[in-house]
Amino acid sequence: MIARVLSAELAARIGERVRVAGWVHRGRELKSVTFVIVRDRSGLTQVVTSGPAPAEETVVEVTGLVTANPKAPGGCELTEPVLTVLGEAVAPPPFDLYRPTVAATLPTILDHAPVALRHPLLRAQFEIAAASVAGFRQALDGIGCTEIHTPKIVGSATESGANVFGIDYFGRKAFLAQSPQFFKQAMVGVFERVYEVGPVFRAEPHDTARHLAQYTSLDAEIGFISDHRDVMAVLREAIAGMLAGAASRAEAVELLGAELPEVPAEIPSIHFAEAQKLLGGKDEVDLAPADERWLSEWARREHRSEFLFVTGYPMAKRPFYTHPEPGNPLYSNSFDLLFRGLELVTGGQRLHRHADYLAALAQRGESPEAYEGYLEVFAHGMPPHGGFAIGLERWTARLLGVANIRQTTLFPRDLHRLTP
């Protein structure tokens, strides 16, 4: 059997007889000829044949002669074809997948995601997301990190900051992990530098365009740091790696009309207290969405950067394991990274001494018994460390200018959606 050739490879095979396989993207029947457009993972192939075209989305295999035709996709087409149906489509797609734009509402796309995502525009978003993850991994591998995989079922709901989903674990109460935070900190004591790409779960009753109940988190934790600024430097490299990965999918970027930003050699930063002054002398413990947008515009205007670090968030708004700012314990050695008007990343320096954890919990009126397994790590010596977490879907949405995070999620889970 002739080896399968992808659509993108045909231009180099003019005059050869080849085999392509894919889905019928569109069929056009004229008086004396039929054009069948076949779609595979690399692009489109035009097949010139006779008789009726198979139904759209039917899976076919075609053997034919590669013939030059400047008007055909890729500048060539298949003639003298032998077409074999591998999998017949018995129902039409929910909307026309061959049209250059997506003629469907978001609910229709999400309800029929396994088929709807075949549309080249929708598929391209996830090519960019996948390339971003590859770039993240490459950047962190390059600085000596070890990739880890931590449990998503945990026995206690001890991390503050979000509600959790409870589950029945063989008759015992358990929870879906809202982050790998405790585990990745523990693994700093083993590998010094670690990262993880995996799902996290947040039982927050938000019904907005920027929240999900399950999303993919790109986490990192780095040991032997001086303070949170070392973590910010690592994050800058991770972001640069993700953008390089996205740029490697040039066809997808072009198809989507995406504008990839430049990452400054040093991303500008502003302390939270100073940001409050710029925002009109506010006295808050967090930034409102409107504040994030204003500060992003300020960074673009003053620093020509689409990225901005906001550092030193009040301790009242950060988890108990956050390291306070030396000399100013009301603030923390933490940061958010804003990107195009939205908080994209949260991170910072963690406490690393056992006694500091006991004091932090006592100050909050919490019992150390609930954190016994977590605190054991710090009883055996831990280096100064810190880390961050990036939401993949939010990253992809901001990068591509998508208004609703559900559009960059294969199968979203939110307040209302459990299927498909």
Protein backbone atom coordinates (compact mmCIF):
# COMPACT_ATOMS: atom_id res chain seq x y z
CA MET A 1 0.00 0.00 0.00
CA ILE A 2 1.18 3.52 -0.82
CA ALA A 3 2.15 5.40 2.32
CA ARG A 4 -0.31 8.09 3.39
CA VAL A 5 0.64 11.67 2.50
CA LEU A 6 -0.69 14.75 4.29
CA SER A 7 -2.31 17.61 2.42
CA ALA A 8 0.52 20.00 3.29
CA GLU A 9 3.04 17.64 1.64
CA LEU A 10 1.37 17.35 -1.76
CA ALA A 11 3.05 20.36 -3.39
CA ALA A 12 6.36 18.51 -3.18
CA ARG A 13 4.88 15.41 -4.84
CA ILE A 14 3.69 16.79 -8.20
CA GLY A 15 3.50 13.99 -10.77
CA GLU A 16 3.43 11.21 -8.18
CA ARG A 17 0.59 8.91 -7.29
CA VAL A 18 -0.18 9.24 -3.58
CA ARG A 19 -2.72 8.33 -0.95
CA VAL A 20 -4.47 10.89 1.24
CA ALA A 21 -7.07 10.32 3.95
CA GLY A 22 -9.34 12.57 5.94
CA TRP A 23 -12.85 14.01 6.19
CA VAL A 24 -14.98 15.33 3.34
CA HIS A 25 -14.83 19.03 4.04
CA ARG A 26 -17.06 19.98 1.13
CA GLY A 27 -18.36 18.55 -2.13
CA ARG A 28 -19.23 20.58 -5.23
CA GLU A 29 -20.97 18.80 -8.07
CA LEU A 30 -20.87 20.49 -11.48
CA LYS A 31 -22.24 19.24 -14.80
CA SER A 32 -19.24 17.24 -15.83
CA VAL A 33 -17.02 17.11 -12.77
CA THR A 34 -17.19 16.87 -9.00
CA PHE A 35 -14.76 18.52 -6.61
CA VAL A 36 -14.32 16.83 -3.25
CA ILE A 37 -12.32 18.78 -0.66
CA VAL A 38 -10.68 16.43 1.84
CA ARG A 39 -9.50 17.78 5.20
CA ASP A 40 -6.75 16.24 7.30
CA ARG A 41 -4.75 17.54 10.23
CA SER A 42 -2.44 19.56 7.97
CA GLY A 43 -4.89 21.22 5.59
CA LEU A 44 -7.09 20.62 2.55
CA THR A 45 -6.77 18.51 -0.61
CA GLN A 46 -8.90 19.03 -3.71
CA VAL A 47 -9.92 15.82 -5.44
CA VAL A 48 -11.26 15.95 -9.01
CA THR A 49 -13.68 13.14 -9.68
CA SER A 50 -17.07 12.33 -11.18
CA GLY A 51 -20.37 11.25 -9.72
CA PRO A 52 -21.89 12.31 -6.40
CA ALA A 53 -19.71 13.55 -3.56
CA PRO A 54 -19.87 11.72 -0.22
CA ALA A 55 -21.70 13.51 2.59
CA GLU A 56 -19.76 16.14 4.50
CA GLU A 57 -17.63 14.72 7.32
CA THR A 58 -17.56 11.26 5.77
CA VAL A 59 -14.10 9.76 6.30
CA VAL A 60 -12.45 8.83 3.03
CA GLU A 61 -9.22 7.53 1.59
CA VAL A 62 -8.18 8.73 -1.85
CA THR A 63 -5.41 7.48 -4.12
CA GLY A 64 -4.66 9.77 -7.05
CA LEU A 65 -2.16 11.64 -9.19
CA VAL A 66 -0.84 14.91 -7.78
CA THR A 67 -1.43 17.54 -10.46
CA ALA A 68 -0.51 21.22 -10.35
CA ASN A 69 -3.44 23.66 -10.18
CA PRO A 70 -2.78 27.18 -8.85
CA LYS A 71 -6.47 27.62 -8.02
CA ALA A 72 -6.64 24.55 -5.78
CA PRO A 73 -5.75 24.55 -2.06
CA GLY A 74 -1.98 24.33 -1.78
CA GLY A 75 -1.57 24.81 -5.55
CA CYS A 76 -2.28 21.20 -6.53
CA GLU A 77 -5.05 18.61 -6.65
CA LEU A 78 -5.58 14.88 -7.03
CA THR A 79 -6.73 13.59 -10.42
CA GLU A 80 -7.50 10.07 -11.63
CA PRO A 81 -8.67 9.27 -8.10
CA VAL A 82 -9.82 6.07 -6.47
CA LEU A 83 -12.00 7.08 -3.51
CA THR A 84 -12.86 4.69 -0.70
CA VAL A 85 -15.26 5.46 2.14
CA LEU A 86 -13.75 4.50 5.51
CA GLY A 87 -16.46 5.89 7.78
CA GLU A 88 -19.79 7.23 6.56
CA ALA A 89 -21.34 10.34 8.11
CA VAL A 90 -25.02 9.57 8.73
CA ALA A 91 -25.96 12.98 10.16
CA PRO A 92 -25.03 16.51 9.06
CA PRO A 93 -22.73 18.64 11.25
CA PRO A 94 -24.44 21.20 13.54
CA PHE A 95 -23.28 24.01 11.21
CA ASP A 96 -21.32 24.33 7.98
CA LEU A 97 -17.73 23.42 8.81
CA TYR A 98 -16.50 24.41 5.36
CA ARG A 99 -17.36 28.09 5.72
CA PRO A 100 -14.39 30.34 6.54
CA THR A 101 -16.15 31.78 9.58
CA VAL A 102 -17.97 29.97 12.38
CA ALA A 103 -21.70 30.36 11.76
CA ALA A 104 -22.82 29.10 15.16
CA THR A 105 -23.50 30.41 18.66
CA LEU A 106 -21.29 29.43 21.58
CA PRO A 107 -23.96 27.12 23.10
CA THR A 108 -24.21 25.27 19.77
CA ILE A 109 -20.44 24.90 19.60
CA LEU A 110 -20.23 23.62 23.18
CA ASP A 111 -23.22 21.29 22.85
CA HIS A 112 -21.67 19.66 19.77
CA ALA A 113 -17.99 20.13 20.60
CA PRO A 114 -16.67 16.78 19.27
CA VAL A 115 -17.83 17.76 15.77
CA ALA A 116 -17.83 21.57 16.01
CA LEU A 117 -14.15 21.67 16.95
CA ARG A 118 -13.31 20.18 13.56
CA HIS A 119 -13.82 23.65 12.09
CA PRO A 120 -10.32 24.92 11.22
CA LEU A 121 -10.78 28.18 13.15
CA LEU A 122 -11.89 26.42 16.33
CA ARG A 123 -9.28 23.71 16.00
CA ALA A 124 -6.50 26.26 15.54
CA GLN A 125 -7.10 27.71 19.01
CA PHE A 126 -6.23 24.40 20.59
CA GLU A 127 -3.16 24.00 18.40
CA ILE A 128 -1.95 27.28 19.91
CA ALA A 129 -2.80 26.05 23.41
CA ALA A 130 -0.91 22.79 22.87
CA ALA A 131 2.11 24.63 21.48
CA SER A 132 2.04 26.98 24.48
CA VAL A 133 2.20 24.02 26.87
CA ALA A 134 5.10 22.56 24.88
CA GLY A 135 6.90 25.90 25.15
CA PHE A 136 6.23 26.05 28.89
CA ARG A 137 7.72 22.60 29.36
CA GLN A 138 10.74 23.38 27.20
CA ALA A 139 11.48 26.59 29.08
CA LEU A 140 11.30 24.94 32.51
CA ASP A 141 13.18 21.83 31.42
CA GLY A 142 15.86 24.24 30.24
CA ILE A 143 16.46 25.58 33.75
CA GLY A 144 16.66 22.18 35.39
CA CYS A 145 13.06 21.62 36.49
CA THR A 146 11.55 18.16 36.92
CA GLU A 147 8.00 17.54 35.73
CA ILE A 148 5.81 15.99 38.43
CA HIS A 149 2.29 14.55 38.57
CA THR A 150 0.38 15.01 41.82
CA PRO A 151 -2.93 13.59 43.14
CA LYS A 152 -6.20 15.22 42.13
CA ILE A 153 -8.08 13.50 44.96
CA VAL A 154 -7.08 14.77 48.38
CA GLY A 155 -8.13 13.97 51.91
CA SER A 156 -8.54 17.49 53.29
CA ALA A 157 -9.72 20.87 52.05
CA THR A 158 -7.04 22.94 53.71
CA GLU A 159 -5.87 25.40 51.07
CA SER A 160 -7.61 28.73 51.38
CA GLY A 161 -8.81 30.82 48.48
CA ALA A 162 -11.52 28.72 46.84
CA ASN A 163 -14.32 26.32 47.56
CA VAL A 164 -13.78 22.63 46.89
CA PHE A 165 -15.77 19.75 45.45
CA GLY A 166 -16.43 16.98 47.95
CA ILE A 167 -16.55 13.37 46.76
CA ASP A 168 -17.21 9.94 48.27
CA TYR A 169 -13.90 8.07 48.33
CA PHE A 170 -14.77 4.48 49.22
CA GLY A 171 -16.99 5.66 52.05
CA ARG A 172 -14.67 8.41 53.20
CA LYS A 173 -14.93 12.14 52.58
CA ALA A 174 -12.46 13.42 50.04
CA PHE A 175 -12.07 16.41 47.73
CA LEU A 176 -10.99 17.30 44.23
CA ALA A 177 -7.72 19.22 44.46
CA GLN A 178 -8.04 22.96 43.90
CA SER A 179 -4.30 23.18 43.10
CA PRO A 180 -1.11 21.11 43.43
CA GLN A 181 0.29 23.77 45.78
CA PHE A 182 1.13 21.64 48.80
CA PHE A 183 2.53 18.78 46.73
CA LYS A 184 4.73 20.93 44.53
CA GLN A 185 6.16 22.66 47.61
CA ALA A 186 6.96 19.25 49.09
CA MET A 187 8.71 18.22 45.89
CA VAL A 188 11.02 21.23 46.10
CA GLY A 189 12.48 19.29 49.01
CA VAL A 190 13.19 16.43 46.60
CA PHE A 191 14.02 17.96 43.20
CA GLU A 192 14.61 21.67 44.04
CA ARG A 193 12.76 22.81 40.89
CA VAL A 194 9.49 21.31 39.70
CA TYR A 195 6.53 21.97 37.46
CA GLU A 196 3.23 20.33 36.62
CA VAL A 197 0.58 20.62 33.92
CA GLY A 198 -2.75 19.25 35.09
CA PRO A 199 -6.40 19.87 35.97
CA VAL A 200 -7.53 21.79 39.03
CA PHE A 201 -11.04 22.16 40.42
CA ARG A 202 -12.72 25.23 41.89
CA ALA A 203 -16.25 25.03 43.30
CA GLU A 204 -16.74 28.76 43.02
CA PRO A 205 -20.28 29.81 42.06
CA HIS A 206 -19.11 32.22 39.37
CA ASP A 207 -21.01 32.46 36.10
CA THR A 208 -18.72 34.78 34.18
CA ALA A 209 -16.76 34.75 30.93
CA ARG A 210 -13.48 34.31 32.87
CA HIS A 211 -14.20 31.46 35.33
CA LEU A 212 -14.40 27.67 35.04
CA ALA A 213 -15.04 24.93 37.60
CA GLN A 214 -12.24 22.87 36.05
CA TYR A 215 -9.29 24.23 34.16
CA THR A 216 -5.72 23.32 33.25
CA SER A 217 -3.07 24.81 35.50
CA LEU A 218 0.58 25.26 34.57
CA ASP A 219 2.34 25.26 37.94
CA ALA A 220 5.97 25.73 38.91
CA GLU A 221 7.86 25.85 42.20
CA ILE A 222 11.50 26.88 42.49
CA GLY A 223 13.85 26.30 45.44
CA PHE A 224 16.83 28.28 46.73
CA ILE A 225 15.48 31.69 45.75
CA SER A 226 16.36 35.04 47.28
CA ASP A 227 12.78 36.31 47.14
CA HIS A 228 9.75 36.54 44.85
CA ARG A 229 11.72 38.44 42.22
CA ASP A 230 13.62 35.27 41.36
CA VAL A 231 10.27 33.58 40.74
CA MET A 232 9.19 36.48 38.54
CA ALA A 233 12.33 36.01 36.45
CA VAL A 234 11.52 32.33 35.96
CA LEU A 235 7.95 33.22 35.03
CA ARG A 236 9.23 35.66 32.42
CA GLU A 237 11.20 32.81 30.79
CA ALA A 238 8.16 30.52 30.94
CA ILE A 239 5.99 33.14 29.22
CA ALA A 240 8.64 33.68 26.56
CA GLY A 241 8.74 29.93 26.00
CA MET A 242 4.98 29.75 25.67
CA LEU A 243 4.99 32.55 23.11
CA ALA A 244 7.78 30.87 21.16
CA GLY A 245 5.71 27.71 21.14
CA ALA A 246 2.65 29.58 19.90
CA ALA A 247 4.71 31.32 17.20
CA SER A 248 5.86 27.91 15.93
CA ARG A 249 2.28 27.27 14.79
CA ALA A 250 2.52 30.01 12.19
CA GLU A 251 -0.38 28.76 10.07
CA ALA A 252 -2.73 28.65 13.06
CA VAL A 253 -1.62 32.11 14.19
CA GLU A 254 -2.22 33.50 10.71
CA LEU A 255 -5.58 31.77 10.35
CA LEU A 256 -6.76 33.27 13.64
CA GLY A 257 -5.30 36.69 12.89
CA ALA A 258 -3.62 36.62 16.29
CA GLU A 259 -1.14 39.29 17.37
CA LEU A 260 1.53 37.73 19.54
CA PRO A 261 3.09 40.18 22.02
CA GLU A 262 6.74 40.87 22.70
CA VAL A 263 8.03 39.88 26.13
CA PRO A 264 10.31 42.60 27.55
CA ALA A 265 13.72 41.48 28.73
CA GLU A 266 12.46 42.59 32.12
CA ILE A 267 8.72 42.84 32.60
CA PRO A 268 7.79 46.14 34.30
CA SER A 269 6.48 45.94 37.84
CA ILE A 270 4.62 48.12 40.30
CA HIS A 271 4.00 47.61 44.01
CA PHE A 272 0.38 47.17 45.04
CA ALA A 273 0.49 50.25 47.27
CA GLU A 274 1.80 52.38 44.42
CA ALA A 275 -0.84 50.95 42.11
CA GLN A 276 -3.51 52.02 44.58
CA LYS A 277 -2.19 55.58 44.39
CA LEU A 278 -2.29 55.54 40.59
CA LEU A 279 -5.86 54.29 40.78
CA GLY A 280 -6.94 57.38 42.69
CA GLY A 281 -5.83 56.67 46.22
CA LYS A 282 -7.83 53.48 46.74
CA ASP A 283 -7.55 51.50 49.96
CA GLU A 284 -8.42 47.96 48.87
CA VAL A 285 -6.87 44.53 49.43
CA ASP A 286 -7.25 43.38 45.82
CA LEU A 287 -7.61 44.75 42.31
CA ALA A 288 -11.03 44.93 40.68
CA PRO A 289 -11.32 43.90 37.00
CA ALA A 290 -11.54 47.58 36.04
CA ASP A 291 -8.32 48.24 37.97
CA GLU A 292 -6.53 45.46 36.09
CA ARG A 293 -7.62 46.95 32.79
CA TRP A 294 -6.51 50.45 33.79
CA LEU A 295 -3.11 49.28 34.97
CA SER A 296 -2.59 47.26 31.79
CA GLU A 297 -3.28 50.35 29.71
CA TRP A 298 -0.86 52.29 31.92
CA ALA A 299 1.86 49.67 31.33
CA ARG A 300 1.27 49.75 27.61
CA ARG A 301 1.43 53.54 27.59
CA GLU A 302 4.33 54.06 30.00
CA HIS A 303 6.42 50.95 29.38
CA ARG A 304 5.23 49.74 25.96
CA SER A 305 4.54 46.38 27.54
CA GLU A 306 1.48 44.18 27.37
CA PHE A 307 2.66 42.53 30.59
CA LEU A 308 2.79 44.07 34.06
CA PHE A 309 3.77 42.61 37.41
CA VAL A 310 1.84 43.91 40.41
CA THR A 311 3.82 42.95 43.52
CA GLY A 312 3.32 43.19 47.26
CA TYR A 313 -0.35 42.32 47.61
CA PRO A 314 -1.72 42.71 51.14
CA MET A 315 -1.24 39.64 53.31
CA ALA A 316 -4.98 39.75 54.06
CA LYS A 317 -5.64 38.65 50.47
CA ARG A 318 -2.97 35.98 50.17
CA PRO A 319 -2.89 32.38 51.46
CA PHE A 320 -1.34 31.71 54.86
CA TYR A 321 1.79 30.16 53.32
CA THR A 322 2.77 33.45 51.60
CA HIS A 323 5.99 35.08 52.80
CA PRO A 324 5.44 38.59 54.23
CA GLU A 325 7.36 41.54 52.87
CA PRO A 326 10.45 42.13 55.05
CA GLY A 327 10.00 45.26 57.13
CA ASN A 328 6.37 45.66 56.06
CA PRO A 329 4.41 42.59 57.22
CA LEU A 330 1.05 43.95 56.06
CA TYR A 331 2.22 43.29 52.51
CA SER A 332 3.57 40.13 50.94
CA ASN A 333 6.35 38.87 48.70
CA SER A 334 3.75 37.94 46.11
CA PHE A 335 2.73 39.08 42.66
CA ASP A 336 0.16 38.88 39.91
CA LEU A 337 1.04 39.12 36.25
CA LEU A 338 -1.44 41.18 34.26
CA PHE A 339 -1.73 40.53 30.53
CA ARG A 340 -3.94 42.59 28.25
CA GLY A 341 -6.16 43.82 31.03
CA LEU A 342 -6.54 40.62 33.02
CA GLU A 343 -4.75 38.84 35.86
CA LEU A 344 -3.08 35.88 34.20
CA VAL A 345 -0.69 34.51 36.82
CA THR A 346 -0.54 34.49 40.62
CA GLY A 347 2.64 33.63 42.48
CA GLY A 348 5.13 34.56 45.12
CA GLN A 349 7.59 33.47 47.78
CA ARG A 350 6.38 30.92 50.33
CA LEU A 351 7.18 30.49 53.98
CA HIS A 352 9.78 27.77 54.39
CA ARG A 353 10.47 27.53 58.14
CA HIS A 354 8.32 25.27 60.31
CA ALA A 355 8.04 27.84 63.11
CA ASP A 356 6.83 30.50 60.65
CA TYR A 357 4.00 28.23 59.54
CA LEU A 358 2.90 27.63 63.11
CA ALA A 359 2.94 31.39 63.77
CA ALA A 360 1.01 32.15 60.56
CA LEU A 361 -1.70 29.63 61.40
CA ALA A 362 -1.97 30.88 64.98
CA GLN A 363 -2.37 34.43 63.74
CA ARG A 364 -5.30 33.30 61.59
CA GLY A 365 -6.82 31.30 64.41
CA GLU A 366 -6.37 27.99 62.61
CA SER A 367 -5.27 24.73 64.14
CA PRO A 368 -2.03 23.15 62.85
CA GLU A 369 -3.63 19.70 63.21
CA ALA A 370 -5.59 20.27 60.00
CA TYR A 371 -2.29 20.81 58.19
CA GLU A 372 -0.31 18.04 59.85
CA GLY A 373 0.73 16.24 56.66
CA TYR A 374 1.68 19.50 54.98
CA LEU A 375 3.64 20.87 57.92
CA GLU A 376 5.69 17.69 58.26
CA VAL A 377 7.63 18.69 55.16
CA PHE A 378 8.87 21.87 56.82
CA ALA A 379 9.88 20.05 59.99
CA HIS A 380 12.61 18.35 57.97
CA GLY A 381 14.25 21.40 56.45
CA MET A 382 13.15 23.29 53.33
CA PRO A 383 15.00 25.93 51.30
CA PRO A 384 13.55 29.35 50.52
CA HIS A 385 11.21 28.77 47.60
CA GLY A 386 8.35 30.18 45.59
CA GLY A 387 6.26 29.53 42.54
CA PHE A 388 3.36 30.45 40.32
CA ALA A 389 0.37 29.07 38.44
CA ILE A 390 -0.93 29.94 34.97
CA GLY A 391 -4.43 29.06 33.79
CA LEU A 392 -4.01 27.64 30.29
CA GLU A 393 -7.50 28.50 29.08
CA ARG A 394 -7.23 32.08 30.31
CA TRP A 395 -3.81 32.40 28.68
CA THR A 396 -5.15 31.17 25.35
CA ALA A 397 -8.19 33.44 25.50
CA ARG A 398 -6.10 36.55 26.17
CA LEU A 399 -3.50 35.62 23.60
CA LEU A 400 -6.08 35.12 20.86
CA GLY A 401 -8.45 37.89 21.90
CA VAL A 402 -11.30 35.52 22.74
CA ALA A 403 -14.04 37.07 24.88
CA ASN A 404 -15.25 33.94 26.71
CA ILE A 405 -12.90 31.44 28.32
CA ARG A 406 -15.26 28.60 27.37
CA GLN A 407 -14.24 29.10 23.76
CA THR A 408 -10.69 28.01 24.63
CA THR A 409 -11.83 24.96 26.63
CA LEU A 410 -12.45 21.67 24.85
CA PHE A 411 -15.28 20.55 27.13
CA PRO A 412 -16.03 23.33 29.66
CA ARG A 413 -17.20 22.61 33.17
CA ASP A 414 -19.02 25.48 34.82
CA LEU A 415 -22.15 26.11 36.89
CA HIS A 416 -24.41 24.75 34.18
CA ARG A 417 -22.46 22.36 32.00
CA LEU A 418 -21.55 18.73 32.64
CA THR A 419 -21.82 17.46 29.06
CA PRO A 420 -20.46 16.66 26.57
